[in-house]
C-alpha atoms as a PDB file:
ATOM      1  CA  MET A   1      -0.135   0.136   0.033  1.00  0.00           C
ATOM      2  CA  LYS A   2       1.201   3.691  -0.882  1.00  0.00           C
ATOM      3  CA  THR A   3       2.117   5.935   1.970  1.00  0.00           C
ATOM      4  CA  LYS A   4      -1.739   8.138   1.834  1.00  0.00           C
ATOM      5  CA  GLU A   5      -3.523   4.629   1.474  1.00  0.00           C
ATOM      6  CA  ILE A   6      -2.194   3.092   4.819  1.00  0.00           C
ATOM      7  CA  ILE A   7      -2.204   7.137   6.372  1.00  0.00           C
ATOM      8  CA  GLY A   8      -6.178   7.083   5.449  1.00  0.00           C
ATOM      9  CA  ALA A   9      -6.404   3.590   6.649  1.00  0.00           C
ATOM     10  CA  ASN A  10      -5.595   3.965   9.683  1.00  0.00           C
ATOM     11  CA  ILE A  11      -7.727   7.366  10.114  1.00  0.00           C
ATOM     12  CA  ARG A  12     -10.693   5.758   8.783  1.00  0.00           C
ATOM     13  CA  ALA A  13     -10.178   2.894  11.272  1.00  0.00           C
ATOM     14  CA  GLU A  14      -9.882   4.770  14.472  1.00  0.00           C
ATOM     15  CA  ARG A  15     -12.417   7.001  13.463  1.00  0.00           C
ATOM     16  CA  GLU A  16     -14.845   3.777  13.076  1.00  0.00           C
ATOM     17  CA  ARG A  17     -13.873   2.377  16.206  1.00  0.00           C
ATOM     18  CA  GLN A  18     -15.095   5.423  18.143  1.00  0.00           C
ATOM     19  CA  GLY A  19     -18.186   5.087  16.191  1.00  0.00           C
ATOM     20  CA  LEU A  20     -17.928   8.464  14.804  1.00  0.00           C
ATOM     21  CA  SER A  21     -19.219   9.661  11.533  1.00  0.00           C
ATOM     22  CA  ARG A  22     -17.560  11.993   8.900  1.00  0.00           C
ATOM     23  CA  GLU A  23     -19.991  14.356   9.881  1.00  0.00           C
ATOM     24  CA  GLN A  24     -18.998  14.391  13.456  1.00  0.00           C
ATOM     25  CA  VAL A  25     -15.218  14.510  12.998  1.00  0.00           C
ATOM     26  CA  CYS A  26     -15.373  17.284  10.318  1.00  0.00           C
ATOM     27  CA  GLY A  27     -18.276  19.810  12.394  1.00  0.00           C
ATOM     28  CA  LEU A  28     -18.816  23.128  10.597  1.00  0.00           C
ATOM     29  CA  GLU A  29     -15.654  22.197   7.985  1.00  0.00           C
ATOM     30  CA  SER A  30     -14.180  24.988   8.476  1.00  0.00           C
ATOM     31  CA  GLU A  31     -10.807  23.487   9.012  1.00  0.00           C
ATOM     32  CA  LEU A  32     -11.537  19.989   7.328  1.00  0.00           C
ATOM     33  CA  THR A  33     -14.700  19.328   4.948  1.00  0.00           C
ATOM     34  CA  ILE A  34     -16.440  15.477   4.653  1.00  0.00           C
ATOM     35  CA  ARG A  35     -15.253  15.740   0.978  1.00  0.00           C
ATOM     36  CA  GLN A  36     -11.742  15.900   2.235  1.00  0.00           C
ATOM     37  CA  LEU A  37     -11.409  13.370   4.804  1.00  0.00           C
ATOM     38  CA  MET A  38     -13.752  10.932   2.390  1.00  0.00           C
ATOM     39  CA  ARG A  39     -10.546  11.322   0.077  1.00  0.00           C
ATOM     40  CA  ILE A  40      -7.914  10.827   2.635  1.00  0.00           C
ATOM     41  CA  GLU A  41      -9.669   8.079   4.278  1.00  0.00           C
ATOM     42  CA  LEU A  42      -9.885   6.326   0.984  1.00  0.00           C
ATOM     43  CA  GLY A  43      -6.511   7.440   0.362  1.00  0.00           C
ATOM     44  CA  GLN A  44      -7.344   9.417  -2.950  1.00  0.00           C
ATOM     45  CA  SER A  45      -5.075  12.212  -0.984  1.00  0.00           C
ATOM     46  CA  LEU A  46      -2.191  12.330   1.274  1.00  0.00           C
ATOM     47  CA  PRO A  47      -3.033  15.007   4.469  1.00  0.00           C
ATOM     48  CA  THR A  48      -1.102  17.689   5.669  1.00  0.00           C
ATOM     49  CA  ILE A  49       0.689  17.902   9.103  1.00  0.00           C
ATOM     50  CA  VAL A  50      -2.439  20.766  10.030  1.00  0.00           C
ATOM     51  CA  LYS A  51      -5.135  18.305   8.942  1.00  0.00           C
ATOM     52  CA  LEU A  52      -3.530  15.665  10.389  1.00  0.00           C
ATOM     53  CA  GLU A  53      -3.212  17.467  14.009  1.00  0.00           C
ATOM     54  CA  TYR A  54      -6.639  18.458  13.652  1.00  0.00           C
ATOM     55  CA  LEU A  55      -8.177  14.633  12.998  1.00  0.00           C
ATOM     56  CA  ALA A  56      -5.668  13.826  15.856  1.00  0.00           C
ATOM     57  CA  ASP A  57      -7.258  16.543  17.986  1.00  0.00           C
ATOM     58  CA  THR A  58     -10.508  15.540  17.347  1.00  0.00           C
ATOM     59  CA  LEU A  59     -10.331  11.800  17.736  1.00  0.00           C
ATOM     60  CA  ASN A  60      -7.734  12.297  20.844  1.00  0.00           C
ATOM     61  CA  VAL A  61      -4.942  10.121  19.885  1.00  0.00           C
ATOM     62  CA  ASP A  62      -1.874  10.920  19.572  1.00  0.00           C
ATOM     63  CA  MET A  63      -0.797  11.854  15.518  1.00  0.00           C
ATOM     64  CA  ALA A  64       1.404   9.421  15.969  1.00  0.00           C
ATOM     65  CA  SER A  65      -0.769   6.486  15.758  1.00  0.00           C
ATOM     66  CA  LEU A  66      -2.589   7.766  12.707  1.00  0.00           C
ATOM     67  CA  LEU A  67       0.748   8.008  10.505  1.00  0.00           C
ATOM     68  CA  GLY A  68       1.901   4.428  12.042  1.00  0.00           C
ATOM     69  CA  GLU A  69       5.564   3.983  10.427  1.00  0.00           C
ATOM     70  CA  GLN A  70       4.904   6.516   7.512  1.00  0.00           C
ATOM     71  CA  SER A  71       6.505  10.061   7.031  1.00  0.00           C
ATOM     72  CA  LEU A  72       4.782  13.028   5.533  1.00  0.00           C
ATOM     73  CA  GLU A  73       8.215  14.521   4.341  1.00  0.00           C
ATOM     74  CA  ILE A  74       8.124  16.753   1.058  1.00  0.00           C
ATOM     75  CA  PRO A  75      10.512  16.597  -1.477  1.00  0.00           C
ATOM     76  CA  GLN A  76      12.909  19.828  -1.280  1.00  0.00           C
ATOM     77  CA  ALA A  77      12.636  19.563  -5.355  1.00  0.00           C
ATOM     78  CA  TYR A  78       8.999  20.618  -4.812  1.00  0.00           C
ATOM     79  CA  PHE A  79      10.098  23.959  -2.625  1.00  0.00           C
ATOM     80  CA  GLU A  80      12.539  25.528  -5.116  1.00  0.00           C
ATOM     81  CA  GLN A  81      10.154  25.317  -8.014  1.00  0.00           C
ATOM     82  CA  LYS A  82       7.127  26.491  -5.813  1.00  0.00           C
ATOM     83  CA  TYR A  83       9.661  29.497  -5.039  1.00  0.00           C
ATOM     84  CA  LYS A  84      10.497  29.938  -8.594  1.00  0.00           C
ATOM     85  CA  LEU A  85       6.451  29.830  -9.253  1.00  0.00           C
ATOM     86  CA  ILE A  86       5.499  32.072  -6.723  1.00  0.00           C
ATOM     87  CA  LYS A  87       8.590  34.884  -7.299  1.00  0.00           C
ATOM     88  CA  PHE A  88       8.788  34.773 -11.286  1.00  0.00           C
ATOM     89  CA  PRO A  89       5.060  33.995 -12.331  1.00  0.00           C
ATOM     90  CA  SER A  90       5.992  33.367 -15.700  1.00  0.00           C
ATOM     91  CA  TYR A  91       7.893  30.326 -14.810  1.00  0.00           C
ATOM     92  CA  GLY A  92       6.176  27.088 -15.077  1.00  0.00           C
ATOM     93  CA  ASP A  93       6.869  23.741 -16.498  1.00  0.00           C
ATOM     94  CA  ALA A  94       4.938  21.054 -14.874  1.00  0.00           C
ATOM     95  CA  GLU A  95       7.671  18.272 -16.150  1.00  0.00           C
ATOM     96  CA  ARG A  96      10.125  20.151 -13.639  1.00  0.00           C
ATOM     97  CA  LEU A  97       7.788  19.723 -10.909  1.00  0.00           C
ATOM     98  CA  ALA A  98       8.257  17.475  -8.156  1.00  0.00           C
ATOM     99  CA  PRO A  99       5.924  13.977  -8.694  1.00  0.00           C
ATOM    100  CA  LYS A 100       3.002  15.186  -7.677  1.00  0.00           C
ATOM    101  CA  LYS A 101       2.380  12.078  -6.111  1.00  0.00           C
ATOM    102  CA  GLN A 102       4.218  12.631  -3.255  1.00  0.00           C
ATOM    103  CA  LEU A 103       2.525  16.110  -2.207  1.00  0.00           C
ATOM    104  CA  PRO A 104      -0.409  16.247   0.184  1.00  0.00           C
ATOM    105  CA  GLU A 105      -3.463  17.520  -0.972  1.00  0.00           C
ATOM    106  CA  GLU A 106      -3.235  21.166  -0.486  1.00  0.00           C
ATOM    107  CA  GLU A 107       0.554  21.381  -1.611  1.00  0.00           C
ATOM    108  CA  LEU A 108      -1.146  20.025  -5.056  1.00  0.00           C
ATOM    109  CA  PHE A 109      -3.823  23.260  -4.517  1.00  0.00           C
ATOM    110  CA  THR A 110      -1.200  25.804  -4.118  1.00  0.00           C
ATOM    111  CA  LEU A 111       0.806  23.968  -7.430  1.00  0.00           C
ATOM    112  CA  ASP A 112      -2.752  24.086  -9.109  1.00  0.00           C
ATOM    113  CA  LEU A 113      -3.700  27.479  -7.918  1.00  0.00           C
ATOM    114  CA  LEU A 114      -0.648  29.091  -9.291  1.00  0.00           C
ATOM    115  CA  GLU A 115      -0.825  27.671 -12.696  1.00  0.00           C
ATOM    116  CA  LYS A 116      -4.293  28.471 -13.322  1.00  0.00           C
ATOM    117  CA  SER A 117      -3.557  32.170 -12.024  1.00  0.00           C
ATOM    118  CA  PHE A 118      -0.990  32.232 -14.355  1.00  0.00           C
ATOM    119  CA  ASP A 119      -3.320  30.349 -17.244  1.00  0.00           C
ATOM    120  CA  ARG A 120      -6.248  33.128 -16.341  1.00  0.00           C
ATOM    121  CA  MET A 121      -3.952  36.003 -16.867  1.00  0.00           C
ATOM    122  CA  THR A 122      -2.330  34.830 -19.735  1.00  0.00           C
ATOM    123  CA  VAL A 123      -5.141  33.269 -22.069  1.00  0.00           C
ATOM    124  CA  GLY A 124      -7.844  33.525 -19.600  1.00  0.00           C
ATOM    125  CA  GLU A 125      -9.072  30.577 -19.681  1.00  0.00           C
ATOM    126  CA  SER A 126     -10.131  28.594 -16.675  1.00  0.00           C
ATOM    127  CA  GLY A 127     -13.480  27.513 -14.395  1.00  0.00           C
ATOM    128  CA  SER A 128     -15.321  29.216 -11.681  1.00  0.00           C
ATOM    129  CA  ALA A 129     -12.746  29.166  -8.547  1.00  0.00           C
ATOM    130  CA  GLU A 130     -16.955  28.280  -7.096  1.00  0.00           C
ATOM    131  CA  GLN A 131     -16.945  25.962  -8.886  1.00  0.00           C
ATOM    132  CA  ILE A 132     -13.607  23.738  -9.510  1.00  0.00           C
ATOM    133  CA  TYR A 133     -12.161  24.693  -5.621  1.00  0.00           C
ATOM    134  CA  GLU A 134     -15.657  24.221  -4.326  1.00  0.00           C
ATOM    135  CA  ASP A 135     -14.338  22.733  -1.066  1.00  0.00           C
ATOM    136  CA  PHE A 136     -11.873  25.055   0.066  1.00  0.00           C
ATOM    137  CA  PHE A 137     -14.106  27.905  -1.460  1.00  0.00           C
ATOM    138  CA  LYS A 138     -16.547  27.028   0.894  1.00  0.00           C
ATOM    139  CA  GLN A 139     -13.927  26.433   3.847  1.00  0.00           C
ATOM    140  CA  LEU A 140     -12.698  29.800   2.508  1.00  0.00           C
ATOM    141  CA  LEU A 141     -15.685  32.094   3.285  1.00  0.00           C
ATOM    142  CA  SER A 142     -15.944  31.420   6.642  1.00  0.00           C
ATOM    143  CA  LYS A 143     -12.603  31.950   7.921  1.00  0.00           C
ATOM    144  CA  GLU A 144     -11.174  35.136   9.141  1.00  0.00           C
ATOM    145  CA  THR A 145      -7.407  34.799   8.979  1.00  0.00           C
ATOM    146  CA  TYR A 146      -5.976  32.848   5.401  1.00  0.00           C
ATOM    147  CA  SER A 147      -3.216  31.062   4.865  1.00  0.00           C
ATOM    148  CA  LEU A 148      -1.200  30.827   1.782  1.00  0.00           C
ATOM    149  CA  ASN A 149      -3.913  28.779  -0.098  1.00  0.00           C
ATOM    150  CA  ASP A 150      -6.301  30.998   1.042  1.00  0.00           C
ATOM    151  CA  ILE A 151      -4.312  33.769  -0.351  1.00  0.00           C
ATOM    152  CA  LEU A 152      -4.397  32.143  -3.873  1.00  0.00           C
ATOM    153  CA  LEU A 153      -7.609  31.321  -3.694  1.00  0.00           C
ATOM    154  CA  VAL A 154      -8.539  34.735  -3.571  1.00  0.00           C
ATOM    155  CA  LYS A 155      -6.165  35.648  -5.648  1.00  0.00           C
ATOM    156  CA  TYR A 156      -7.981  33.752  -8.223  1.00  0.00           C
ATOM    157  CA  TYR A 157     -11.227  34.766  -7.765  1.00  0.00           C
ATOM    158  CA  PHE A 158     -10.266  38.647  -8.407  1.00  0.00           C
ATOM    159  CA  ILE A 159      -8.680  37.367 -11.446  1.00  0.00           C
ATOM    160  CA  GLN A 160     -11.625  35.997 -12.345  1.00  0.00           C
ATOM    161  CA  CYS A 161     -13.736  38.969 -11.161  1.00  0.00           C
ATOM    162  CA  GLN A 162     -12.114  40.985 -14.078  1.00  0.00           C
ATOM    163  CA  ASP A 163     -13.546  39.300 -17.064  1.00  0.00           C
ATOM    164  CA  SER A 164     -16.570  37.444 -15.917  1.00  0.00           C
ATOM    165  CA  VAL A 165     -19.919  38.308 -14.006  1.00  0.00           C
ATOM    166  CA  PHE A 166     -19.735  37.710 -10.292  1.00  0.00           C
ATOM    167  CA  ASP A 167     -22.241  37.625  -6.993  1.00  0.00           C
ATOM    168  CA  ARG A 168     -21.542  41.150  -5.318  1.00  0.00           C
ATOM    169  CA  LYS A 169     -22.249  40.287  -2.034  1.00  0.00           C
ATOM    170  CA  THR A 170     -19.551  37.249  -2.621  1.00  0.00           C
ATOM    171  CA  PHE A 171     -16.922  39.524  -3.803  1.00  0.00           C
ATOM    172  CA  GLN A 172     -17.763  42.209  -0.853  1.00  0.00           C
ATOM    173  CA  HIS A 173     -17.326  39.391   2.282  1.00  0.00           C
ATOM    174  CA  LEU A 174     -14.251  38.562   0.346  1.00  0.00           C
ATOM    175  CA  VAL A 175     -12.725  42.007   0.105  1.00  0.00           C
ATOM    176  CA  ALA A 176     -13.496  42.877   3.648  1.00  0.00           C
ATOM    177  CA  ARG A 177     -11.408  39.693   4.711  1.00  0.00           C
ATOM    178  CA  LEU A 178      -8.858  40.034   2.369  1.00  0.00           C
ATOM    179  CA  LEU A 179      -8.235  44.191   4.401  1.00  0.00           C
ATOM    180  CA  LYS A 180      -8.165  42.320   7.189  1.00  0.00           C
ATOM    181  CA  GLN A 181      -5.114  39.820   6.619  1.00  0.00           C
ATOM    182  CA  GLU A 182      -1.939  40.876   8.036  1.00  0.00           C
ATOM    183  CA  ILE A 183       2.215  40.174   6.707  1.00  0.00           C
ATOM    184  CA  THR A 184       3.754  37.103   8.154  1.00  0.00           C
ATOM    185  CA  GLY A 185       7.348  36.051   8.519  1.00  0.00           C
ATOM    186  CA  ASP A 186       6.701  34.107   5.487  1.00  0.00           C
ATOM    187  CA  GLU A 187       7.899  35.926   2.662  1.00  0.00           C
ATOM    188  CA  TYR A 188       5.538  33.636   0.137  1.00  0.00           C
ATOM    189  CA  TYR A 189       2.843  34.379   2.055  1.00  0.00           C
ATOM    190  CA  ASN A 190       3.456  38.397   1.795  1.00  0.00           C
ATOM    191  CA  VAL A 191       4.211  38.300  -1.714  1.00  0.00           C
ATOM    192  CA  GLU A 192       0.902  36.266  -2.587  1.00  0.00           C
ATOM    193  CA  LEU A 193      -0.859  38.657  -0.529  1.00  0.00           C
ATOM    194  CA  LEU A 194      -0.244  41.789  -2.587  1.00  0.00           C
ATOM    195  CA  GLY A 195      -0.520  39.943  -5.847  1.00  0.00           C
ATOM    196  CA  ALA A 196      -4.522  39.540  -4.364  1.00  0.00           C
ATOM    197  CA  LEU A 197      -4.670  42.901  -3.372  1.00  0.00           C
ATOM    198  CA  SER A 198      -3.283  43.952  -6.679  1.00  0.00           C
ATOM    199  CA  ALA A 199      -6.146  41.650  -8.802  1.00  0.00           C
ATOM    200  CA  LEU A 200      -8.514  43.297  -6.276  1.00  0.00           C
ATOM    201  CA  ALA A 201      -7.482  46.341  -7.655  1.00  0.00           C
ATOM    202  CA  GLY A 202      -7.680  45.519 -11.004  1.00  0.00           C
ATOM    203  CA  VAL A 203     -11.569  44.112 -10.477  1.00  0.00           C
ATOM    204  CA  TYR A 204     -12.084  48.115  -9.918  1.00  0.00           C
ATOM    205  CA  VAL A 205     -10.009  49.391 -12.854  1.00  0.00           C
ATOM    206  CA  VAL A 206     -11.833  46.981 -15.917  1.00  0.00           C
ATOM    207  CA  SER A 207     -15.426  47.900 -14.249  1.00  0.00           C
ATOM    208  CA  ALA A 208     -13.978  51.690 -14.464  1.00  0.00           C
ATOM    209  CA  ASP A 209     -15.488  52.222 -10.679  1.00  0.00           C
ATOM    210  CA  TYR A 210     -12.617  53.684  -8.648  1.00  0.00           C
ATOM    211  CA  SER A 211     -15.355  54.931  -5.747  1.00  0.00           C
ATOM    212  CA  ASP A 212     -14.319  51.820  -3.336  1.00  0.00           C
ATOM    213  CA  MET A 213     -10.591  51.584  -4.688  1.00  0.00           C
ATOM    214  CA  LYS A 214      -8.605  53.497  -2.078  1.00  0.00           C
ATOM    215  CA  PRO A 215      -8.501  51.431   0.804  1.00  0.00           C
ATOM    216  CA  THR A 216      -7.137  48.373  -1.198  1.00  0.00           C
ATOM    217  CA  LEU A 217      -4.363  50.723  -2.514  1.00  0.00           C
ATOM    218  CA  ASP A 218      -3.315  51.973   1.424  1.00  0.00           C
ATOM    219  CA  LYS A 219      -3.237  48.598   2.205  1.00  0.00           C
ATOM    220  CA  MET A 220      -1.175  47.716  -0.964  1.00  0.00           C
ATOM    221  CA  ASP A 221       1.237  50.754   0.139  1.00  0.00           C
ATOM    222  CA  ASP A 222       1.363  49.326   3.955  1.00  0.00           C
ATOM    223  CA  VAL A 223       2.122  45.544   2.856  1.00  0.00           C
ATOM    224  CA  VAL A 224       5.129  47.064   0.417  1.00  0.00           C
ATOM    225  CA  ASN A 225       6.633  49.551   3.053  1.00  0.00           C
ATOM    226  CA  GLN A 226       6.472  46.740   5.976  1.00  0.00           C
ATOM    227  CA  THR A 227       7.811  44.105   3.447  1.00  0.00           C
ATOM    228  CA  MET A 228      10.360  46.007   1.614  1.00  0.00           C
ATOM    229  CA  GLN A 229       8.745  44.622  -1.476  1.00  0.00           C
ATOM    230  CA  HIS A 230       9.701  47.819  -3.406  1.00  0.00           C
ATOM    231  CA  VAL A 231       9.230  45.928  -6.796  1.00  0.00           C
ATOM    232  CA  TYR A 232       5.769  46.362  -6.176  1.00  0.00           C
ATOM    233  CA  LYS A 233       5.883  49.825  -5.902  1.00  0.00           C
ATOM    234  CA  PRO A 234       5.759  51.039  -9.974  1.00  0.00           C
ATOM    235  CA  ILE A 235       2.645  48.640 -10.231  1.00  0.00           C
ATOM    236  CA  LEU A 236       1.102  50.560  -6.744  1.00  0.00           C
ATOM    237  CA  LEU A 237       1.893  53.757  -8.291  1.00  0.00           C
ATOM    238  CA  MET A 238       0.147  53.201 -11.232  1.00  0.00           C
ATOM    239  CA  LEU A 239      -3.018  52.036 -10.070  1.00  0.00           C
ATOM    240  CA  GLU A 240      -3.074  55.125  -7.555  1.00  0.00           C
ATOM    241  CA  ALA A 241      -2.346  57.375 -10.654  1.00  0.00           C
ATOM    242  CA  LYS A 242      -5.874  56.052 -12.301  1.00  0.00           C
ATOM    243  CA  TYR A 243      -7.477  56.084  -8.947  1.00  0.00           C
ATOM    244  CA  TYR A 244      -6.381  60.096  -8.665  1.00  0.00           C
ATOM    245  CA  LEU A 245      -7.260  60.445 -12.718  1.00  0.00           C
ATOM    246  CA  TYR A 246     -10.933  58.933 -12.727  1.00  0.00           C
ATOM    247  CA  GLN A 247     -12.336  59.210  -8.667  1.00  0.00           C
ATOM    248  CA  GLY A 248      -9.722  62.536  -7.821  1.00  0.00           C
ATOM    249  CA  HIS A 249     -10.090  64.379 -10.929  1.00  0.00           C
ATOM    250  CA  ASN A 250      -6.567  65.319 -10.352  1.00  0.00           C
ATOM    251  CA  PHE A 251      -4.671  64.864 -13.393  1.00  0.00           C
ATOM    252  CA  GLN A 252      -1.332  66.540 -11.773  1.00  0.00           C
ATOM    253  CA  LYS A 253      -1.474  63.833  -9.198  1.00  0.00           C
ATOM    254  CA  ALA A 254      -1.842  60.952 -11.511  1.00  0.00           C
ATOM    255  CA  LYS A 255       1.038  62.376 -14.096  1.00  0.00           C
ATOM    256  CA  SER A 256       3.519  62.477 -11.192  1.00  0.00           C
ATOM    257  CA  CYS A 257       2.377  59.189  -9.827  1.00  0.00           C
ATOM    258  CA  TYR A 258       2.734  57.721 -13.639  1.00  0.00           C
ATOM    259  CA  ASP A 259       6.305  59.729 -13.954  1.00  0.00           C
ATOM    260  CA  LEU A 260       7.843  57.772 -10.547  1.00  0.00           C
ATOM    261  CA  ALA A 261       6.609  54.680 -11.707  1.00  0.00           C
ATOM    262  CA  LEU A 262       8.568  54.943 -14.839  1.00  0.00           C
ATOM    263  CA  THR A 263      11.608  56.353 -12.816  1.00  0.00           C
ATOM    264  CA  LEU A 264      11.348  53.263 -10.791  1.00  0.00           C
ATOM    265  CA  ALA A 265      10.863  50.598 -12.946  1.00  0.00           C
ATOM    266  CA  GLU A 266      13.839  52.270 -15.320  1.00  0.00           C
ATOM    267  CA  ASN A 267      16.116  51.584 -11.720  1.00  0.00           C
ATOM    268  CA  PHE A 268      15.073  48.322 -11.784  1.00  0.00           C
ATOM    269  CA  GLY A 269      15.605  47.853 -15.412  1.00  0.00           C
ATOM    270  CA  ASP A 270      12.724  45.987 -16.004  1.00  0.00           C
ATOM    271  CA  THR A 271      11.814  46.516 -19.582  1.00  0.00           C
ATOM    272  CA  VAL A 272       8.340  44.740 -20.124  1.00  0.00           C
ATOM    273  CA  LEU A 273       7.219  46.676 -16.625  1.00  0.00           C
ATOM    274  CA  ILE A 274       8.261  49.598 -18.675  1.00  0.00           C
ATOM    275  CA  ASN A 275       6.894  49.020 -21.643  1.00  0.00           C
ATOM    276  CA  ASN A 276       3.714  48.399 -20.413  1.00  0.00           C
ATOM    277  CA  LEU A 277       3.598  51.501 -17.622  1.00  0.00           C
ATOM    278  CA  LYS A 278       3.985  53.677 -20.542  1.00  0.00           C
ATOM    279  CA  LYS A 279       1.047  52.167 -22.483  1.00  0.00           C
ATOM    280  CA  GLU A 280      -0.836  52.507 -19.862  1.00  0.00           C
ATOM    281  CA  ARG A 281       0.107  56.258 -19.175  1.00  0.00           C
ATOM    282  CA  ALA A 282      -0.531  57.263 -22.727  1.00  0.00           C
ATOM    283  CA  ASN A 283      -4.077  55.652 -22.503  1.00  0.00           C
ATOM    284  CA  ASP A 284      -4.966  57.455 -19.354  1.00  0.00           C
ATOM    285  CA  LEU A 285      -2.884  60.614 -19.637  1.00  0.00           C
ATOM    286  CA  GLN A 286      -2.905  61.458 -23.473  1.00  0.00           C
ATOM    287  CA  GLU A 287      -5.865  62.749 -24.267  1.00  0.00           C
ATOM    288  CA  LYS A 288      -5.819  65.604 -21.786  1.00  0.00           C
ATOM    289  CA  GLU A 289      -2.594  66.551 -22.026  1.00  0.00           C
ATOM    290  CA  GLU A 290      -3.594  67.282 -25.682  1.00  0.00           C
END
């Protein structure tokens, strides 16, 4: 038997020994959904340490008894590829990722979200977050504090909202929760928090509705300054330029933001960013400058 099958069988055996249903073990499903538990017990997915700890606490047993002699060690190569996908979004080659069968479900989820977010941004194709990630999305709506995967899912959802009809109540709920998230000691998390905020700002830009955009820009500025992720400053300045121009009707302020954004991008030597900023600046300011 494979590792995930052995662990799944141990969990199921202990649950049934105690006479508990999956519904009783999962409770409100904020930590673990019934379908996730079913996949774990059937040996279809490997639980993360967090989920294993939850199951051990709920079943009131030692985690070692659920693991048996199995190990949940994740290949180092996976973390190296994950780093590249997060730090350099255009990087991606499924063949070079660690064998997926060795990864827990939530690590597979991380990879899938990174890949689908990139696909959505580049080719505009991918399914609805609510449908393809139904279990995770259900958990997301009940959470106060977000994990890395939660941030990635929110980011994917907001990217989706940029080119499709969305439920306003769900959107506002996730906006409010995202703005309450704090930076952590995890660089991956902080980078993706900025990515999710940027995707949210993109929804306002695409819909040409800037009235509620300021809190998002303020949060981005706070995260950039606290984490010293200054490479995101040009993008933030571009978004601020659009806000000042279309919501504040302040042409000079918008122009100053664009000028500073271009200066920073040139200092970073990012030619792609420079070209994109020039296009956005021309679209936003050219008419009024003439």
